[in-house]
Amino acid sequence: MNAANPTMPTPGSTLLLTEDEAAKQLRTTGRTVFSFRKRGLLRCVKLGKSVRYRMADLEAFIDTMAATTATVEVHVEGAVEVTP
């Protein structure tokens, strides 16, 4: 767990995060995380009907987004548009 915020996992933790917890880690909304997942931009773990996220997958997502030269726009309806 994170010393500054004991409810948030530290990088490399094996704890699975809910969509809302993943959104907090990414400083965005659950709807945006859902949109990234549905478009195949963010990996998840499915446990029955539940969807969870690993910290390693969130970090990989951030690295991928930082490495691209594209601009990612998230619209109000949750659609993600990637433009070069």
Protein backbone atom coordinates (compact mmCIF):
# COMPACT_ATOMS: atom_id res chain seq x y z
CA MET A 1 0.00 0.00 0.00
CA ASN A 2 0.98 3.59 -0.55
CA ALA A 3 2.35 5.32 2.57
CA ALA A 4 0.80 8.67 1.59
CA ASN A 5 -2.60 7.08 0.91
CA PRO A 6 -2.97 3.63 2.50
CA THR A 7 -6.04 2.80 0.39
CA MET A 8 -4.13 3.12 -2.91
CA PRO A 9 -1.70 0.42 -4.03
CA THR A 10 1.91 1.14 -4.87
CA PRO A 11 3.38 0.49 -8.31
CA GLY A 12 4.19 -3.19 -8.76
CA SER A 13 1.45 -4.22 -6.35
CA THR A 14 -0.54 -7.32 -7.28
CA LEU A 15 -3.75 -5.84 -5.94
CA LEU A 16 -6.54 -5.59 -8.50
CA LEU A 17 -8.29 -2.23 -8.77
CA THR A 18 -11.92 -1.50 -9.49
CA GLU A 19 -12.80 0.85 -12.34
CA ASP A 20 -13.24 3.75 -9.92
CA GLU A 21 -9.91 3.01 -8.22
CA ALA A 22 -8.18 2.80 -11.60
CA ALA A 23 -9.79 6.12 -12.55
CA LYS A 24 -8.41 7.72 -9.38
CA GLN A 25 -4.94 6.43 -10.20
CA LEU A 26 -5.18 7.90 -13.71
CA ARG A 27 -6.78 11.12 -12.38
CA THR A 28 -9.80 10.69 -14.63
CA THR A 29 -13.35 9.32 -14.46
CA GLY A 30 -14.63 5.76 -14.43
CA ARG A 31 -16.39 6.49 -17.70
CA THR A 32 -13.09 7.39 -19.35
CA VAL A 33 -11.43 4.22 -18.01
CA PHE A 34 -14.39 2.22 -19.35
CA SER A 35 -13.97 3.88 -22.74
CA PHE A 36 -10.22 3.12 -22.84
CA ARG A 37 -10.97 -0.52 -21.96
CA LYS A 38 -13.73 -0.93 -24.55
CA ARG A 39 -11.47 0.48 -27.27
CA GLY A 40 -8.67 -1.92 -26.34
CA LEU A 41 -6.33 0.79 -25.06
CA LEU A 42 -6.32 -0.44 -21.45
CA ARG A 43 -6.03 -4.08 -20.41
CA CYS A 44 -8.22 -5.51 -17.68
CA VAL A 45 -8.86 -8.70 -15.74
CA LYS A 46 -12.39 -10.13 -15.78
CA LEU A 47 -13.58 -12.05 -12.73
CA GLY A 48 -17.03 -13.28 -13.62
CA LYS A 49 -19.01 -10.09 -14.24
CA SER A 50 -16.46 -7.95 -12.42
CA VAL A 51 -13.75 -6.00 -14.21
CA ARG A 52 -10.47 -5.20 -12.44
CA TYR A 53 -7.23 -3.50 -13.40
CA ARG A 54 -3.63 -4.29 -12.45
CA MET A 55 -1.28 -1.44 -11.57
CA ALA A 56 1.19 -2.82 -14.13
CA ASP A 57 -1.47 -2.45 -16.86
CA LEU A 58 -2.19 1.14 -15.79
CA GLU A 59 1.53 1.91 -15.90
CA ALA A 60 1.86 0.29 -19.35
CA PHE A 61 -1.10 2.35 -20.56
CA ILE A 62 0.53 5.56 -19.31
CA ASP A 63 3.85 4.61 -20.95
CA THR A 64 2.07 3.87 -24.24
CA MET A 65 0.20 7.17 -24.18
CA ALA A 66 3.39 9.09 -23.29
CA ALA A 67 5.38 7.37 -26.06
CA THR A 68 2.94 8.24 -28.83
CA THR A 69 3.05 11.54 -30.62
CA ALA A 70 -0.70 11.39 -31.16
CA THR A 71 -3.22 13.51 -29.33
CA VAL A 72 -5.93 11.59 -27.50
CA GLU A 73 -9.25 13.35 -27.16
CA VAL A 74 -11.99 12.00 -24.92
CA HIS A 75 -15.42 13.36 -25.77
CA VAL A 76 -18.31 13.78 -23.34
CA GLU A 77 -20.11 10.68 -24.66
CA GLY A 78 -17.02 8.62 -23.80
CA ALA A 79 -15.70 8.05 -27.33
CA VAL A 80 -11.95 8.24 -27.70
CA GLU A 81 -10.45 9.76 -30.81
CA VAL A 82 -6.75 9.39 -31.61
CA THR A 83 -5.28 11.76 -34.16
CA PRO A 84 -1.66 11.96 -35.40
